[in-house]
Amino acid sequence: MAASKVAIVTGAAGGIGLPMCRVLLGKGYHVVLADINQKTGAEAQKTLGDKTLFIQCDLADWGSHAAMFRKAFEWHGRIDACVANAGIVEKEKFYTIPNIEQEPEKPNLLVIDVDLNAVIYGLKLFRHYWKKSGNPGVGRMIITSSMAGIYAFTAAPLYSAAKHGIVGLVRAASHGLRKNEDITINTICPGPVDTGISEEMKKVVPGHRWTPMSVVLGAFEKFLDEEITGQCAEASNKQFYLRDVVEYSDENAEFLIEDMKKHV
C-alpha cells in the first residue's frame, strides 16, 4: 500500500475542482481526477503532474462511477478522501408555460442525477473503498453544494432542490458515519465563483458580489485538516461561515430527531 494518501476529486478538470486538486497535492495526496470531459481531464493531468491519474467518468451512471472508484483504488491500493465536486445547472427552463394543447413531456432531471444522485453514489462507493483500504485515521467526504442549497434559489428550483439535498444528506449522515466508520462528511456552499459554469451569472451578478476562489479553498482546507463533521460552510463574498442547523420548534421535535441517533 502506498504511504501517500489518495483522494478522488470529481469535476476535477476545471472550475472549483482544479484548484482543489492543487490543494490536495500540496498536502501530499495522490489525486484521482474524475471528469466526464476527456480532453480537459487529460490536459489537467498533464498540467498537475505524475501524482495524478485522470479517469473519464459519467458520474450519473452507476456503472461508470463504480468503475472509476475501482480503478482509483487499484492505482495505489487505498482511497482516503472523496471530494464530490462535479455539478451542472438546470437543462430546461422551469417556468416555461406548457402548451395546454399537448401532453406534458417528462422533465429533464439531469441536474438531480448529477448534483444529488451521483453524490449519493460516490458516498456509497467511498465508504466501501475506505473500509477496504484499512487505513488508520479519518476518511473525508467533502461535497460541493451551493448557496442555493441553503436559500430558496427561485431562478433554478431543481438545482436548488438538489443542492438542498446535499446539505440534508451531510447533516443527517454525519453522526452515523463518524461514529461507526471513522468518516467525516462536510459540504461547502459557495456563492457565485468565477468558473466556467457561471458564465450566465456574469450577466446578472455585479463583480463585487462574486466569491473569490481563495474563500472556497479556505473552507476546503478546514475540512481537510480538522475532524469536524456535519458542517455546512457557506462561502459568501469575502469569507465563509459554518452555518447552524435550524433550531427545533419545540421539545417534541427535538426528541423525535435526537432520539433517533441512539439507533444509528
C-alpha atoms as a PDB file:
ATOM      1  CA  MET A   1       0.000   0.000   0.000  1.00  0.00           C
ATOM      2  CA  ALA A   2       1.270   3.465  -0.868  1.00  0.00           C
ATOM      3  CA  ALA A   3       2.302   5.656   2.055  1.00  0.00           C
ATOM      4  CA  SER A   4       0.786   8.739   0.446  1.00  0.00           C
ATOM      5  CA  LYS A   5      -2.917   9.288   0.862  1.00  0.00           C
ATOM      6  CA  VAL A   6      -5.164   9.139  -2.199  1.00  0.00           C
ATOM      7  CA  ALA A   7      -8.072  11.480  -2.889  1.00  0.00           C
ATOM      8  CA  ILE A   8     -10.690  11.414  -5.623  1.00  0.00           C
ATOM      9  CA  VAL A   9     -11.949  14.742  -6.956  1.00  0.00           C
ATOM     10  CA  THR A  10     -14.952  14.764  -9.285  1.00  0.00           C
ATOM     11  CA  GLY A  11     -15.390  17.597 -11.731  1.00  0.00           C
ATOM     12  CA  ALA A  12     -11.621  17.893 -11.387  1.00  0.00           C
ATOM     13  CA  ALA A  13     -10.739  19.239 -14.824  1.00  0.00           C
ATOM     14  CA  GLY A  14     -11.863  22.811 -14.231  1.00  0.00           C
ATOM     15  CA  GLY A  15     -13.928  25.191 -12.154  1.00  0.00           C
ATOM     16  CA  ILE A  16     -13.526  24.752  -8.407  1.00  0.00           C
ATOM     17  CA  GLY A  17     -12.244  21.202  -8.836  1.00  0.00           C
ATOM     18  CA  LEU A  18      -8.864  22.029 -10.355  1.00  0.00           C
ATOM     19  CA  PRO A  19      -7.749  24.352  -7.516  1.00  0.00           C
ATOM     20  CA  MET A  20      -8.966  21.732  -5.032  1.00  0.00           C
ATOM     21  CA  CYS A  21      -6.646  19.219  -6.698  1.00  0.00           C
ATOM     22  CA  ARG A  22      -3.736  21.618  -6.265  1.00  0.00           C
ATOM     23  CA  VAL A  23      -4.520  21.968  -2.553  1.00  0.00           C
ATOM     24  CA  LEU A  24      -4.544  18.190  -2.138  1.00  0.00           C
ATOM     25  CA  LEU A  25      -1.256  17.787  -3.999  1.00  0.00           C
ATOM     26  CA  GLY A  26       0.258  20.442  -1.754  1.00  0.00           C
ATOM     27  CA  LYS A  27      -0.755  18.359   1.259  1.00  0.00           C
ATOM     28  CA  GLY A  28       0.973  15.263  -0.118  1.00  0.00           C
ATOM     29  CA  TYR A  29      -2.004  13.425  -1.601  1.00  0.00           C
ATOM     30  CA  HIS A  30      -2.024  11.486  -4.828  1.00  0.00           C
ATOM     31  CA  VAL A  31      -5.112  12.714  -6.663  1.00  0.00           C
ATOM     32  CA  VAL A  32      -7.541  10.953  -8.991  1.00  0.00           C
ATOM     33  CA  LEU A  33      -9.048  13.415 -11.446  1.00  0.00           C
ATOM     34  CA  ALA A  34     -12.556  12.222 -12.321  1.00  0.00           C
ATOM     35  CA  ASP A  35     -14.296  14.145 -15.065  1.00  0.00           C
ATOM     36  CA  ILE A  36     -16.626  13.490 -17.999  1.00  0.00           C
ATOM     37  CA  ASN A  37     -14.531  15.618 -20.369  1.00  0.00           C
ATOM     38  CA  GLN A  38     -11.715  13.534 -21.852  1.00  0.00           C
ATOM     39  CA  LYS A  39      -9.836  16.468 -23.371  1.00  0.00           C
ATOM     40  CA  THR A  40      -9.782  18.783 -20.374  1.00  0.00           C
ATOM     41  CA  GLY A  41      -9.215  15.874 -17.995  1.00  0.00           C
ATOM     42  CA  ALA A  42      -6.118  14.728 -19.872  1.00  0.00           C
ATOM     43  CA  GLU A  43      -4.862  18.316 -20.007  1.00  0.00           C
ATOM     44  CA  ALA A  44      -5.374  18.686 -16.249  1.00  0.00           C
ATOM     45  CA  GLN A  45      -3.373  15.526 -15.563  1.00  0.00           C
ATOM     46  CA  LYS A  46      -0.550  16.776 -17.789  1.00  0.00           C
ATOM     47  CA  THR A  47      -0.559  20.132 -16.006  1.00  0.00           C
ATOM     48  CA  LEU A  48      -0.707  18.745 -12.463  1.00  0.00           C
ATOM     49  CA  GLY A  49       1.924  16.050 -12.893  1.00  0.00           C
ATOM     50  CA  ASP A  50       2.635  12.408 -12.177  1.00  0.00           C
ATOM     51  CA  LYS A  51       0.961  12.299  -8.771  1.00  0.00           C
ATOM     52  CA  THR A  52      -2.386  12.487 -10.545  1.00  0.00           C
ATOM     53  CA  LEU A  53      -4.449   9.992 -12.517  1.00  0.00           C
ATOM     54  CA  PHE A  54      -7.241  11.064 -14.858  1.00  0.00           C
ATOM     55  CA  ILE A  55     -10.228   8.730 -15.202  1.00  0.00           C
ATOM     56  CA  GLN A  56     -13.051   9.690 -17.533  1.00  0.00           C
ATOM     57  CA  CYS A  57     -16.350   9.073 -15.808  1.00  0.00           C
ATOM     58  CA  ASP A  58     -20.065   9.700 -16.224  1.00  0.00           C
ATOM     59  CA  LEU A  59     -20.930  10.220 -12.580  1.00  0.00           C
ATOM     60  CA  ALA A  60     -24.677   9.952 -13.175  1.00  0.00           C
ATOM     61  CA  ASP A  61     -24.187   6.389 -14.430  1.00  0.00           C
ATOM     62  CA  TRP A  62     -23.687   3.914 -11.580  1.00  0.00           C
ATOM     63  CA  GLY A  63     -21.579   1.527 -13.650  1.00  0.00           C
ATOM     64  CA  SER A  64     -19.236   4.265 -14.827  1.00  0.00           C
ATOM     65  CA  HIS A  65     -18.993   5.727 -11.333  1.00  0.00           C
ATOM     66  CA  ALA A  66     -18.227   2.342  -9.780  1.00  0.00           C
ATOM     67  CA  ALA A  67     -15.600   1.573 -12.438  1.00  0.00           C
ATOM     68  CA  MET A  68     -13.882   4.883 -11.689  1.00  0.00           C
ATOM     69  CA  PHE A  69     -13.633   4.059  -7.985  1.00  0.00           C
ATOM     70  CA  ARG A  70     -12.327   0.580  -8.763  1.00  0.00           C
ATOM     71  CA  LYS A  71      -9.559   1.979 -10.979  1.00  0.00           C
ATOM     72  CA  ALA A  72      -8.772   4.645  -8.403  1.00  0.00           C
ATOM     73  CA  PHE A  73      -8.357   2.015  -5.698  1.00  0.00           C
ATOM     74  CA  GLU A  74      -6.180  -0.170  -7.929  1.00  0.00           C
ATOM     75  CA  TRP A  75      -3.825   2.767  -8.535  1.00  0.00           C
ATOM     76  CA  HIS A  76      -2.334   2.749  -5.009  1.00  0.00           C
ATOM     77  CA  GLY A  77      -4.466   0.307  -3.037  1.00  0.00           C
ATOM     78  CA  ARG A  78      -6.189   2.931  -0.935  1.00  0.00           C
ATOM     79  CA  ILE A  79      -8.681   5.810  -1.012  1.00  0.00           C
ATOM     80  CA  ASP A  80      -8.605   8.286   1.856  1.00  0.00           C
ATOM     81  CA  ALA A  81     -10.790  11.151   0.687  1.00  0.00           C
ATOM     82  CA  CYS A  82     -13.547  11.826  -1.801  1.00  0.00           C
ATOM     83  CA  VAL A  83     -14.313  15.339  -2.994  1.00  0.00           C
ATOM     84  CA  ALA A  84     -17.697  15.217  -4.742  1.00  0.00           C
ATOM     85  CA  ASN A  85     -17.422  18.487  -6.579  1.00  0.00           C
ATOM     86  CA  ALA A  86     -18.972  17.917 -10.019  1.00  0.00           C
ATOM     87  CA  GLY A  87     -22.155  19.817 -10.741  1.00  0.00           C
ATOM     88  CA  ILE A  88     -24.298  21.183 -13.539  1.00  0.00           C
ATOM     89  CA  VAL A  89     -27.125  23.686 -13.873  1.00  0.00           C
ATOM     90  CA  GLU A  90     -30.688  23.001 -14.966  1.00  0.00           C
ATOM     91  CA  LYS A  91     -31.123  21.834 -18.556  1.00  0.00           C
ATOM     92  CA  GLU A  92     -34.569  23.253 -19.188  1.00  0.00           C
ATOM     93  CA  LYS A  93     -36.433  26.368 -18.157  1.00  0.00           C
ATOM     94  CA  PHE A  94     -38.502  25.515 -15.104  1.00  0.00           C
ATOM     95  CA  TYR A  95     -41.010  28.336 -15.544  1.00  0.00           C
ATOM     96  CA  THR A  96     -41.761  27.810 -19.229  1.00  0.00           C
ATOM     97  CA  ILE A  97     -45.534  27.696 -19.575  1.00  0.00           C
ATOM     98  CA  PRO A  98     -46.505  24.408 -21.244  1.00  0.00           C
ATOM     99  CA  ASN A  99     -48.753  24.201 -24.273  1.00  0.00           C
ATOM    100  CA  ILE A 100     -52.043  23.048 -22.794  1.00  0.00           C
ATOM    101  CA  GLU A 101     -52.999  21.516 -26.146  1.00  0.00           C
ATOM    102  CA  GLN A 102     -50.230  18.915 -25.758  1.00  0.00           C
ATOM    103  CA  GLU A 103     -49.416  16.333 -23.127  1.00  0.00           C
ATOM    104  CA  PRO A 104     -46.509  17.431 -20.909  1.00  0.00           C
ATOM    105  CA  GLU A 105     -43.127  15.903 -21.642  1.00  0.00           C
ATOM    106  CA  LYS A 106     -41.089  14.163 -18.976  1.00  0.00           C
ATOM    107  CA  PRO A 107     -38.965  16.782 -17.183  1.00  0.00           C
ATOM    108  CA  ASN A 108     -35.220  16.801 -17.689  1.00  0.00           C
ATOM    109  CA  LEU A 109     -33.851  15.744 -14.301  1.00  0.00           C
ATOM    110  CA  LEU A 110     -30.184  15.512 -15.244  1.00  0.00           C
ATOM    111  CA  VAL A 111     -29.394  18.204 -12.685  1.00  0.00           C
ATOM    112  CA  ILE A 112     -30.798  15.927  -9.957  1.00  0.00           C
ATOM    113  CA  ASP A 113     -28.882  12.944 -11.327  1.00  0.00           C
ATOM    114  CA  VAL A 114     -25.535  14.761 -11.408  1.00  0.00           C
ATOM    115  CA  ASP A 115     -25.830  17.134  -8.461  1.00  0.00           C
ATOM    116  CA  LEU A 116     -27.508  14.807  -5.945  1.00  0.00           C
ATOM    117  CA  ASN A 117     -27.866  11.193  -7.056  1.00  0.00           C
ATOM    118  CA  ALA A 118     -24.243  10.986  -8.205  1.00  0.00           C
ATOM    119  CA  VAL A 119     -23.141  12.314  -4.815  1.00  0.00           C
ATOM    120  CA  ILE A 120     -25.071   9.508  -3.134  1.00  0.00           C
ATOM    121  CA  TYR A 121     -23.370   7.030  -5.485  1.00  0.00           C
ATOM    122  CA  GLY A 122     -19.990   8.489  -4.596  1.00  0.00           C
ATOM    123  CA  LEU A 123     -20.636   8.333  -0.865  1.00  0.00           C
ATOM    124  CA  LYS A 124     -21.616   4.669  -1.032  1.00  0.00           C
ATOM    125  CA  LEU A 125     -18.552   3.806  -3.112  1.00  0.00           C
ATOM    126  CA  PHE A 126     -16.216   5.826  -0.917  1.00  0.00           C
ATOM    127  CA  ARG A 127     -17.448   4.086   2.213  1.00  0.00           C
ATOM    128  CA  HIS A 128     -16.726   0.712   0.582  1.00  0.00           C
ATOM    129  CA  TYR A 129     -13.203   1.569  -0.536  1.00  0.00           C
ATOM    130  CA  TRP A 130     -12.348   3.444   2.647  1.00  0.00           C
ATOM    131  CA  LYS A 131     -13.162   0.329   4.638  1.00  0.00           C
ATOM    132  CA  LYS A 132     -11.318  -1.871   2.132  1.00  0.00           C
ATOM    133  CA  SER A 133      -8.247   0.368   2.413  1.00  0.00           C
ATOM    134  CA  GLY A 134      -7.972  -0.372   6.127  1.00  0.00           C
ATOM    135  CA  ASN A 135      -6.274   2.961   6.722  1.00  0.00           C
ATOM    136  CA  PRO A 136      -5.738   4.457  10.179  1.00  0.00           C
ATOM    137  CA  GLY A 137      -7.155   7.869  10.878  1.00  0.00           C
ATOM    138  CA  VAL A 138     -10.215   9.502   9.390  1.00  0.00           C
ATOM    139  CA  GLY A 139     -11.758   9.246   5.931  1.00  0.00           C
ATOM    140  CA  ARG A 140     -13.016  12.502   4.481  1.00  0.00           C
ATOM    141  CA  MET A 141     -16.026  13.139   2.268  1.00  0.00           C
ATOM    142  CA  ILE A 142     -16.299  16.755   1.135  1.00  0.00           C
ATOM    143  CA  ILE A 143     -19.151  17.805  -1.139  1.00  0.00           C
ATOM    144  CA  THR A 144     -19.623  20.981  -3.127  1.00  0.00           C
ATOM    145  CA  SER A 145     -23.175  22.222  -2.660  1.00  0.00           C
ATOM    146  CA  SER A 146     -24.142  25.857  -3.228  1.00  0.00           C
ATOM    147  CA  MET A 147     -25.590  28.901  -1.549  1.00  0.00           C
ATOM    148  CA  ALA A 148     -28.706  27.665  -3.393  1.00  0.00           C
ATOM    149  CA  GLY A 149     -28.616  24.688  -1.020  1.00  0.00           C
ATOM    150  CA  ILE A 150     -29.232  26.982   1.944  1.00  0.00           C
ATOM    151  CA  TYR A 151     -31.590  29.565   0.493  1.00  0.00           C
ATOM    152  CA  ALA A 152     -34.545  29.320  -1.889  1.00  0.00           C
ATOM    153  CA  PHE A 153     -32.958  29.992  -5.289  1.00  0.00           C
ATOM    154  CA  THR A 154     -36.037  30.869  -7.303  1.00  0.00           C
ATOM    155  CA  ALA A 155     -34.132  31.183 -10.592  1.00  0.00           C
ATOM    156  CA  ALA A 156     -33.369  27.438 -10.644  1.00  0.00           C
ATOM    157  CA  PRO A 157     -35.692  25.405  -8.396  1.00  0.00           C
ATOM    158  CA  LEU A 158     -34.444  21.950  -9.424  1.00  0.00           C
ATOM    159  CA  TYR A 159     -30.820  22.961  -8.960  1.00  0.00           C
ATOM    160  CA  SER A 160     -31.753  24.413  -5.581  1.00  0.00           C
ATOM    161  CA  ALA A 161     -33.576  21.213  -4.632  1.00  0.00           C
ATOM    162  CA  ALA A 162     -30.519  19.100  -5.483  1.00  0.00           C
ATOM    163  CA  LYS A 163     -28.190  21.352  -3.516  1.00  0.00           C
ATOM    164  CA  HIS A 164     -30.563  21.398  -0.531  1.00  0.00           C
ATOM    165  CA  GLY A 165     -30.479  17.609  -0.727  1.00  0.00           C
ATOM    166  CA  ILE A 166     -26.709  17.650  -0.262  1.00  0.00           C
ATOM    167  CA  VAL A 167     -26.971  19.800   2.858  1.00  0.00           C
ATOM    168  CA  GLY A 168     -29.603  17.458   4.273  1.00  0.00           C
ATOM    169  CA  LEU A 169     -27.521  14.392   3.436  1.00  0.00           C
ATOM    170  CA  VAL A 170     -24.421  15.794   5.121  1.00  0.00           C
ATOM    171  CA  ARG A 171     -26.207  16.797   8.289  1.00  0.00           C
ATOM    172  CA  ALA A 172     -28.216  13.592   8.557  1.00  0.00           C
ATOM    173  CA  ALA A 173     -25.411  11.144   7.736  1.00  0.00           C
ATOM    174  CA  SER A 174     -22.605  12.762   9.722  1.00  0.00           C
ATOM    175  CA  HIS A 175     -23.383  11.228  13.111  1.00  0.00           C
ATOM    176  CA  GLY A 176     -23.517   7.622  11.926  1.00  0.00           C
ATOM    177  CA  LEU A 177     -20.541   7.897   9.564  1.00  0.00           C
ATOM    178  CA  ARG A 178     -18.284   9.373  12.239  1.00  0.00           C
ATOM    179  CA  LYS A 179     -19.443   7.017  14.957  1.00  0.00           C
ATOM    180  CA  ASN A 180     -19.382   3.770  13.004  1.00  0.00           C
ATOM    181  CA  GLU A 181     -16.993   4.267  10.073  1.00  0.00           C
ATOM    182  CA  ASP A 182     -14.468   6.971  11.057  1.00  0.00           C
ATOM    183  CA  ILE A 183     -15.609   9.173   8.170  1.00  0.00           C
ATOM    184  CA  THR A 184     -16.222  12.904   8.348  1.00  0.00           C
ATOM    185  CA  ILE A 185     -18.655  14.427   5.862  1.00  0.00           C
ATOM    186  CA  ASN A 186     -18.985  18.155   5.215  1.00  0.00           C
ATOM    187  CA  THR A 187     -20.208  20.468   2.483  1.00  0.00           C
ATOM    188  CA  ILE A 188     -19.135  23.785   1.001  1.00  0.00           C
ATOM    189  CA  CYS A 189     -21.908  26.097  -0.194  1.00  0.00           C
ATOM    190  CA  PRO A 190     -20.364  28.832  -2.345  1.00  0.00           C
ATOM    191  CA  GLY A 191     -21.968  31.878  -3.807  1.00  0.00           C
ATOM    192  CA  PRO A 192     -21.092  32.601  -7.441  1.00  0.00           C
ATOM    193  CA  VAL A 193     -17.421  31.882  -8.161  1.00  0.00           C
ATOM    194  CA  ASP A 194     -15.756  32.891 -11.420  1.00  0.00           C
ATOM    195  CA  THR A 195     -15.638  29.470 -13.099  1.00  0.00           C
ATOM    196  CA  GLY A 196     -16.822  28.157 -16.446  1.00  0.00           C
ATOM    197  CA  ILE A 197     -20.167  27.021 -15.066  1.00  0.00           C
ATOM    198  CA  SER A 198     -21.036  30.604 -14.150  1.00  0.00           C
ATOM    199  CA  GLU A 199     -20.875  32.422 -17.495  1.00  0.00           C
ATOM    200  CA  GLU A 200     -24.592  33.266 -17.460  1.00  0.00           C
ATOM    201  CA  MET A 201     -24.309  34.606 -13.928  1.00  0.00           C
ATOM    202  CA  LYS A 202     -21.769  37.189 -15.060  1.00  0.00           C
ATOM    203  CA  LYS A 203     -24.537  38.938 -16.946  1.00  0.00           C
ATOM    204  CA  VAL A 204     -26.665  39.489 -13.851  1.00  0.00           C
ATOM    205  CA  VAL A 205     -24.331  39.472 -10.813  1.00  0.00           C
ATOM    206  CA  PRO A 206     -22.110  42.548 -10.230  1.00  0.00           C
ATOM    207  CA  GLY A 207     -18.410  41.781  -9.944  1.00  0.00           C
ATOM    208  CA  HIS A 208     -18.148  42.830  -6.293  1.00  0.00           C
ATOM    209  CA  ARG A 209     -20.770  40.196  -5.374  1.00  0.00           C
ATOM    210  CA  TRP A 210     -18.656  37.251  -6.505  1.00  0.00           C
ATOM    211  CA  THR A 211     -16.872  34.942  -4.066  1.00  0.00           C
ATOM    212  CA  PRO A 212     -13.095  34.607  -4.561  1.00  0.00           C
ATOM    213  CA  MET A 213     -11.746  31.094  -5.066  1.00  0.00           C
ATOM    214  CA  SER A 214      -9.498  31.617  -2.031  1.00  0.00           C
ATOM    215  CA  VAL A 215     -12.540  31.749   0.265  1.00  0.00           C
ATOM    216  CA  VAL A 216     -13.867  28.444  -1.081  1.00  0.00           C
ATOM    217  CA  LEU A 217     -10.447  26.847  -0.695  1.00  0.00           C
ATOM    218  CA  GLY A 218     -10.220  28.143   2.869  1.00  0.00           C
ATOM    219  CA  ALA A 219     -13.329  26.155   3.774  1.00  0.00           C
ATOM    220  CA  PHE A 220     -11.981  23.178   1.836  1.00  0.00           C
ATOM    221  CA  GLU A 221      -8.726  23.174   3.792  1.00  0.00           C
ATOM    222  CA  LYS A 222     -10.597  23.427   7.088  1.00  0.00           C
ATOM    223  CA  PHE A 223     -12.500  20.252   6.269  1.00  0.00           C
ATOM    224  CA  LEU A 224      -9.296  18.509   5.165  1.00  0.00           C
ATOM    225  CA  ASP A 225      -7.289  19.480   8.234  1.00  0.00           C
ATOM    226  CA  GLU A 226      -9.819  19.233  11.060  1.00  0.00           C
ATOM    227  CA  GLU A 227     -12.007  16.367  12.246  1.00  0.00           C
ATOM    228  CA  ILE A 228     -15.248  18.321  12.359  1.00  0.00           C
ATOM    229  CA  THR A 229     -18.227  16.716  10.667  1.00  0.00           C
ATOM    230  CA  GLY A 230     -21.764  17.513   9.561  1.00  0.00           C
ATOM    231  CA  GLN A 231     -20.767  21.090   8.791  1.00  0.00           C
ATOM    232  CA  CYS A 232     -22.095  23.380   6.080  1.00  0.00           C
ATOM    233  CA  ALA A 233     -19.639  26.128   5.118  1.00  0.00           C
ATOM    234  CA  GLU A 234     -21.334  28.990   3.316  1.00  0.00           C
ATOM    235  CA  ALA A 235     -18.674  30.760   1.237  1.00  0.00           C
ATOM    236  CA  SER A 236     -20.088  34.217   0.628  1.00  0.00           C
ATOM    237  CA  ASN A 237     -18.073  37.035  -0.900  1.00  0.00           C
ATOM    238  CA  LYS A 238     -15.072  37.682   1.375  1.00  0.00           C
ATOM    239  CA  GLN A 239     -15.394  34.898   3.970  1.00  0.00           C
ATOM    240  CA  PHE A 240     -17.014  31.600   4.855  1.00  0.00           C
ATOM    241  CA  TYR A 241     -19.390  30.798   7.700  1.00  0.00           C
ATOM    242  CA  LEU A 242     -20.178  27.482   9.380  1.00  0.00           C
ATOM    243  CA  ARG A 243     -23.959  27.547   9.323  1.00  0.00           C
ATOM    244  CA  ASP A 244     -26.000  26.217  12.212  1.00  0.00           C
ATOM    245  CA  VAL A 245     -28.860  23.826  11.649  1.00  0.00           C
ATOM    246  CA  VAL A 246     -32.388  25.148  12.043  1.00  0.00           C
ATOM    247  CA  GLU A 247     -33.447  25.369  15.682  1.00  0.00           C
ATOM    248  CA  TYR A 248     -36.038  22.898  16.915  1.00  0.00           C
ATOM    249  CA  SER A 249     -39.520  24.360  17.050  1.00  0.00           C
ATOM    250  CA  ASP A 250     -40.292  22.633  20.341  1.00  0.00           C
ATOM    251  CA  GLU A 251     -39.267  19.827  22.700  1.00  0.00           C
ATOM    252  CA  ASN A 252     -41.254  17.266  20.744  1.00  0.00           C
ATOM    253  CA  ALA A 253     -39.388  17.922  17.504  1.00  0.00           C
ATOM    254  CA  GLU A 254     -36.065  17.785  19.336  1.00  0.00           C
ATOM    255  CA  PHE A 255     -36.922  14.458  20.946  1.00  0.00           C
ATOM    256  CA  LEU A 256     -38.048  12.840  17.698  1.00  0.00           C
ATOM    257  CA  ILE A 257     -34.857  13.785  15.841  1.00  0.00           C
ATOM    258  CA  GLU A 258     -32.276  13.440  18.606  1.00  0.00           C
ATOM    259  CA  ASP A 259     -33.652  10.180  19.979  1.00  0.00           C
ATOM    260  CA  MET A 260     -33.149   8.504  16.606  1.00  0.00           C
ATOM    261  CA  LYS A 261     -29.381   8.963  16.926  1.00  0.00           C
ATOM    262  CA  LYS A 262     -29.405   6.223  19.553  1.00  0.00           C
ATOM    263  CA  HIS A 263     -30.427   3.724  16.895  1.00  0.00           C
ATOM    264  CA  VAL A 264     -27.682   4.527  14.364  1.00  0.00           C
END
